Amino acid sequence: MGQMKSYLTPKRDAAHAETVRRVPINGPVGIYRRDDGGHSVLAETDDEVIELGVRDAAVSRKKGGSSPVELLPDARGVRIRNQNSKNPVSVKTNLGEQQLAEGENTVIDDDCIIRLGITTEIRATVERDRDTLSKEELQEKLGMEQEGDLMQGVSPSAHARAIAVNLRKATDESVPECRKYATELKNFVAEHEVDDPDYQSIFDKLEQVTTRLETKSSGALRGSGIDDEWQEEIDLVADRVEKLYGRAD
């Protein structure tokens, strides 16, 4: 199992991925309204206070130094806690929507939208960077044999092929599933640079596809399949990665 990273962004910027300020959830992150009459909504970490670019008079202010809503890293993802907001805090995931009354909390293990105040919507994102394939998956897909803690005979092309297969299969499932394997493939290519004139253009294309999938994964397409145009584009980039590492062997 790899490391897990989580962060939050204001939902209103989702269509402009290049401008989104990601706030890492590495420790407690408080969400509250600044008490200066300007109604600015802030995210506060141990290191800084970040303007989220939202003004909402209905978001609660700090009480006794405590933020009304707090996000915390959790072994399963992110814990969302309504610490002292009198108004319910809504947490929407692909499984549905729940309301957190004052004092209640929940743990999410995937992307979610947090609604508080009147207009404030915040996206919390959970990303898992796991090993390219587990030992069991490698044995099943590639017929490799384990020796100690190492998987013998696994070439970069075999790794790339296995991830590409999963990515193609994911196009029949959902946008979040595609995003997971596209991110895994992008990370693999970034870590295994090869001396090939097509390398950079393939990596750039993977970055574009991954960014688009990330932007869409919490929107209206969440849980839906991939349309024909997207499927063709994803299949093409998966093919190009396979060929890239096939040539490098």
Protein backbone atom coordinates (compact mmCIF):
# COMPACT_ATOMS: atom_id res chain seq x y z
CA MET A 1 0.00 0.00 0.00
CA GLY A 2 1.34 3.42 -0.92
CA GLN A 3 0.97 6.79 0.74
CA MET A 4 -2.28 8.71 0.82
CA LYS A 5 -2.51 12.44 0.10
CA SER A 6 -5.50 14.67 0.78
CA TYR A 7 -6.24 18.30 0.05
CA LEU A 8 -9.12 20.74 -0.26
CA THR A 9 -10.04 23.32 -2.88
CA PRO A 10 -12.95 25.77 -3.26
CA LYS A 11 -15.42 24.11 -5.64
CA ARG A 12 -16.10 27.28 -7.59
CA ASP A 13 -12.65 27.01 -9.21
CA ALA A 14 -13.11 23.47 -10.47
CA ALA A 15 -13.47 24.53 -14.09
CA HIS A 16 -10.16 26.40 -13.93
CA ALA A 17 -7.78 23.74 -12.69
CA GLU A 18 -4.71 25.89 -13.34
CA THR A 19 -5.91 28.52 -10.82
CA VAL A 20 -6.97 26.20 -8.00
CA ARG A 21 -5.14 26.67 -4.69
CA ARG A 22 -4.84 23.26 -3.13
CA VAL A 23 -4.66 23.22 0.65
CA PRO A 24 -2.97 20.01 1.84
CA ILE A 25 -4.72 18.20 4.69
CA ASN A 26 -1.53 17.14 6.47
CA GLY A 27 -2.88 18.17 9.86
CA PRO A 28 -5.97 19.96 11.20
CA VAL A 29 -7.51 22.41 8.70
CA GLY A 30 -10.16 24.74 10.10
CA ILE A 31 -12.83 26.40 7.95
CA TYR A 32 -14.45 29.61 9.26
CA ARG A 33 -15.60 33.15 8.43
CA ARG A 34 -13.31 36.07 9.18
CA ASP A 35 -14.73 38.30 11.92
CA ASP A 36 -14.20 41.66 10.21
CA GLY A 37 -17.50 42.30 8.44
CA GLY A 38 -16.11 41.18 5.08
CA HIS A 39 -17.52 37.64 5.36
CA SER A 40 -14.40 36.06 3.79
CA VAL A 41 -14.24 32.28 4.24
CA LEU A 42 -10.82 31.00 5.30
CA ALA A 43 -8.94 27.75 5.65
CA GLU A 44 -6.43 27.67 8.49
CA THR A 45 -3.60 25.15 8.85
CA ASP A 46 -0.83 25.02 11.46
CA ASP A 47 1.30 27.15 9.12
CA GLU A 48 -0.96 29.65 7.40
CA VAL A 49 -4.40 31.15 6.82
CA ILE A 50 -5.65 30.88 3.23
CA GLU A 51 -8.37 32.99 1.61
CA LEU A 52 -10.70 30.60 -0.27
CA GLY A 53 -12.08 33.37 -2.49
CA VAL A 54 -15.59 32.94 -1.07
CA ARG A 55 -17.72 35.42 0.90
CA ASP A 56 -20.56 33.94 2.91
CA ALA A 57 -22.13 35.62 5.95
CA ALA A 58 -23.81 32.32 6.92
CA VAL A 59 -20.53 30.51 7.59
CA SER A 60 -19.83 30.55 11.32
CA ARG A 61 -16.95 32.43 12.90
CA LYS A 62 -14.47 30.91 15.31
CA LYS A 63 -15.77 30.29 18.82
CA GLY A 64 -13.29 30.17 21.65
CA GLY A 65 -10.49 29.78 19.14
CA SER A 66 -12.17 26.76 17.56
CA SER A 67 -13.19 26.66 13.87
CA PRO A 68 -16.81 25.63 13.21
CA VAL A 69 -15.68 22.98 10.71
CA GLU A 70 -12.43 21.04 10.84
CA LEU A 71 -10.85 18.55 8.44
CA LEU A 72 -8.31 16.07 9.74
CA PRO A 73 -6.16 13.39 8.08
CA ASP A 74 -7.39 9.91 8.96
CA ALA A 75 -5.99 6.45 8.24
CA ARG A 76 -9.02 5.86 5.99
CA GLY A 77 -9.02 9.27 4.28
CA VAL A 78 -10.27 12.55 5.76
CA ARG A 79 -12.32 13.13 8.92
CA ILE A 80 -14.82 16.01 8.65
CA ARG A 81 -16.01 17.41 11.96
CA ASN A 82 -18.78 19.91 12.69
CA GLN A 83 -17.27 21.35 15.84
CA ASN A 84 -19.64 24.20 16.65
CA SER A 85 -21.66 25.19 13.57
CA LYS A 86 -25.34 25.56 14.50
CA ASN A 87 -26.27 25.09 10.85
CA PRO A 88 -25.80 21.52 9.56
CA VAL A 89 -22.76 20.79 7.43
CA SER A 90 -23.54 18.77 4.30
CA VAL A 91 -21.08 16.15 3.03
CA LYS A 92 -21.84 14.71 -0.41
CA THR A 93 -20.02 11.65 -1.76
CA ASN A 94 -20.78 9.21 -4.56
CA LEU A 95 -22.67 7.15 -1.95
CA GLY A 96 -25.06 9.97 -1.13
CA GLU A 97 -25.34 13.03 1.10
CA GLN A 98 -25.32 13.31 4.87
CA GLN A 99 -25.86 16.19 7.29
CA LEU A 100 -23.49 16.70 10.21
CA ALA A 101 -25.15 18.38 13.16
CA GLU A 102 -23.07 20.21 15.75
CA GLY A 103 -20.63 17.80 17.39
CA GLU A 104 -20.94 15.14 14.67
CA ASN A 105 -18.19 13.90 12.36
CA THR A 106 -17.69 11.51 9.47
CA VAL A 107 -14.76 9.95 7.59
CA ILE A 108 -14.63 10.00 3.80
CA ASP A 109 -12.29 7.76 1.80
CA ASP A 110 -12.85 9.36 -1.61
CA ASP A 111 -13.63 12.79 -3.05
CA CYS A 112 -16.50 14.72 -1.51
CA ILE A 113 -18.19 18.12 -1.60
CA ILE A 114 -18.65 19.92 1.73
CA ARG A 115 -21.42 22.51 1.84
CA LEU A 116 -21.69 25.07 4.63
CA GLY A 117 -23.25 28.48 5.02
CA ILE A 118 -25.40 29.50 2.03
CA THR A 119 -23.07 29.38 -0.97
CA THR A 120 -19.82 27.86 0.27
CA GLU A 121 -18.82 24.56 -1.35
CA ILE A 122 -15.43 22.96 -0.74
CA ARG A 123 -14.05 19.87 -2.42
CA ALA A 124 -12.00 17.46 -0.29
CA THR A 125 -9.91 15.08 -2.40
CA VAL A 126 -8.28 11.83 -1.32
CA GLU A 127 -5.53 10.44 -3.53
CA ARG A 128 -3.84 7.11 -2.99
CA ASP A 129 -0.42 6.42 -4.49
CA ARG A 130 -0.15 2.66 -4.28
CA ASP A 131 2.43 0.34 -5.75
CA THR A 132 2.06 -0.12 -9.49
CA LEU A 133 0.76 -3.64 -8.91
CA SER A 134 0.55 -5.87 -5.88
CA LYS A 135 2.56 -9.10 -5.84
CA GLU A 136 -0.66 -11.05 -6.28
CA GLU A 137 -1.69 -8.95 -9.30
CA LEU A 138 1.72 -9.38 -10.90
CA GLN A 139 1.61 -13.14 -10.40
CA GLU A 140 -1.88 -13.33 -11.87
CA LYS A 141 -1.43 -10.93 -14.80
CA LEU A 142 2.19 -11.53 -15.74
CA GLY A 143 3.06 -14.97 -14.42
CA MET A 144 5.95 -13.66 -12.31
CA GLU A 145 7.40 -15.54 -9.39
CA GLN A 146 8.20 -14.08 -6.00
CA GLU A 147 11.67 -14.41 -4.51
CA GLY A 148 11.94 -12.90 -1.03
CA ASP A 149 10.50 -9.39 -1.09
CA LEU A 150 11.22 -8.89 -4.78
CA MET A 151 9.18 -9.75 -7.83
CA GLN A 152 11.60 -11.23 -10.31
CA GLY A 153 11.50 -10.52 -14.03
CA VAL A 154 9.14 -7.54 -14.00
CA SER A 155 10.30 -5.16 -16.73
CA PRO A 156 9.12 -1.54 -17.11
CA SER A 157 7.19 -2.61 -20.22
CA ALA A 158 5.35 -5.29 -18.21
CA HIS A 159 4.44 -2.76 -15.52
CA ALA A 160 3.30 -0.23 -18.11
CA ARG A 161 1.25 -2.85 -19.94
CA ALA A 162 -0.52 -3.97 -16.76
CA ILE A 163 -1.47 -0.42 -15.78
CA ALA A 164 -2.58 0.36 -19.35
CA VAL A 165 -4.84 -2.71 -19.32
CA ASN A 166 -6.46 -1.50 -16.09
CA LEU A 167 -6.89 1.99 -17.53
CA ARG A 168 -8.67 0.68 -20.62
CA LYS A 169 -10.97 -1.47 -18.49
CA ALA A 170 -11.77 1.55 -16.31
CA THR A 171 -13.25 3.41 -19.30
CA ASP A 172 -16.23 1.03 -19.01
CA GLU A 173 -16.69 1.87 -15.32
CA SER A 174 -16.52 5.52 -14.23
CA VAL A 175 -14.60 8.78 -14.37
CA PRO A 176 -13.09 8.34 -10.84
CA GLU A 177 -11.89 4.82 -11.74
CA CYS A 178 -10.26 6.18 -14.91
CA ARG A 179 -8.66 8.97 -12.92
CA LYS A 180 -7.13 6.45 -10.52
CA TYR A 181 -5.38 4.43 -13.22
CA ALA A 182 -4.50 7.46 -15.37
CA THR A 183 -2.76 8.98 -12.32
CA GLU A 184 -0.97 5.70 -11.66
CA LEU A 185 0.21 5.52 -15.27
CA LYS A 186 1.32 9.16 -15.24
CA ASN A 187 3.30 8.62 -12.03
CA PHE A 188 4.92 5.50 -13.50
CA VAL A 189 5.98 7.34 -16.67
CA ALA A 190 7.34 10.25 -14.61
CA GLU A 191 9.47 7.85 -12.56
CA HIS A 192 10.70 5.81 -15.56
CA GLU A 193 12.03 8.30 -18.09
CA VAL A 194 13.34 6.75 -21.30
CA ASP A 195 15.53 8.15 -24.07
CA ASP A 196 12.88 8.34 -26.77
CA PRO A 197 11.80 11.36 -28.87
CA ASP A 198 8.14 10.60 -28.08
CA TYR A 199 8.63 10.43 -24.30
CA GLN A 200 7.84 14.07 -23.47
CA SER A 201 4.80 14.35 -25.74
CA ILE A 202 3.36 11.13 -24.27
CA PHE A 203 3.95 12.36 -20.71
CA ASP A 204 2.38 15.75 -21.54
CA LYS A 205 -0.70 13.99 -22.97
CA LEU A 206 -1.01 11.86 -19.84
CA GLU A 207 -0.89 15.00 -17.71
CA GLN A 208 -3.67 16.58 -19.79
CA VAL A 209 -5.87 13.49 -19.54
CA THR A 210 -5.28 13.17 -15.79
CA THR A 211 -6.08 16.84 -15.15
CA ARG A 212 -9.33 16.59 -17.13
CA LEU A 213 -10.36 13.44 -15.28
CA GLU A 214 -9.54 15.02 -11.92
CA THR A 215 -11.64 18.09 -12.75
CA LYS A 216 -14.58 15.95 -13.85
CA SER A 217 -14.40 13.29 -11.12
CA SER A 218 -16.42 15.31 -8.61
CA GLY A 219 -18.78 16.88 -11.11
CA ALA A 220 -21.86 15.74 -12.96
CA LEU A 221 -19.98 12.87 -14.63
CA ARG A 222 -19.04 11.25 -11.34
CA GLY A 223 -20.04 7.60 -11.38
CA SER A 224 -20.88 7.73 -15.08
CA GLY A 225 -19.15 5.99 -17.94
CA ILE A 226 -16.75 7.52 -20.41
CA ASP A 227 -18.18 8.66 -23.73
CA ASP A 228 -16.79 7.39 -27.05
CA GLU A 229 -14.55 10.39 -27.63
CA TRP A 230 -12.94 10.11 -24.18
CA GLN A 231 -12.60 6.35 -24.54
CA GLU A 232 -10.75 6.72 -27.84
CA GLU A 233 -8.43 9.35 -26.37
CA ILE A 234 -7.65 7.27 -23.29
CA ASP A 235 -7.13 4.10 -25.34
CA LEU A 236 -4.74 5.97 -27.61
CA VAL A 237 -2.57 7.33 -24.80
CA ALA A 238 -2.52 3.87 -23.13
CA ASP A 239 -1.36 2.34 -26.45
CA ARG A 240 1.35 4.96 -26.83
CA VAL A 241 2.70 4.25 -23.34
CA GLU A 242 2.81 0.52 -24.04
CA LYS A 243 4.68 1.08 -27.31
CA LEU A 244 7.08 3.54 -25.66
CA TYR A 245 8.26 1.00 -23.08
CA GLY A 246 8.08 -1.86 -25.55
CA ARG A 247 10.65 -0.03 -27.69
CA ALA A 248 12.80 0.66 -24.64
CA ASP A 249 13.14 -3.03 -23.69
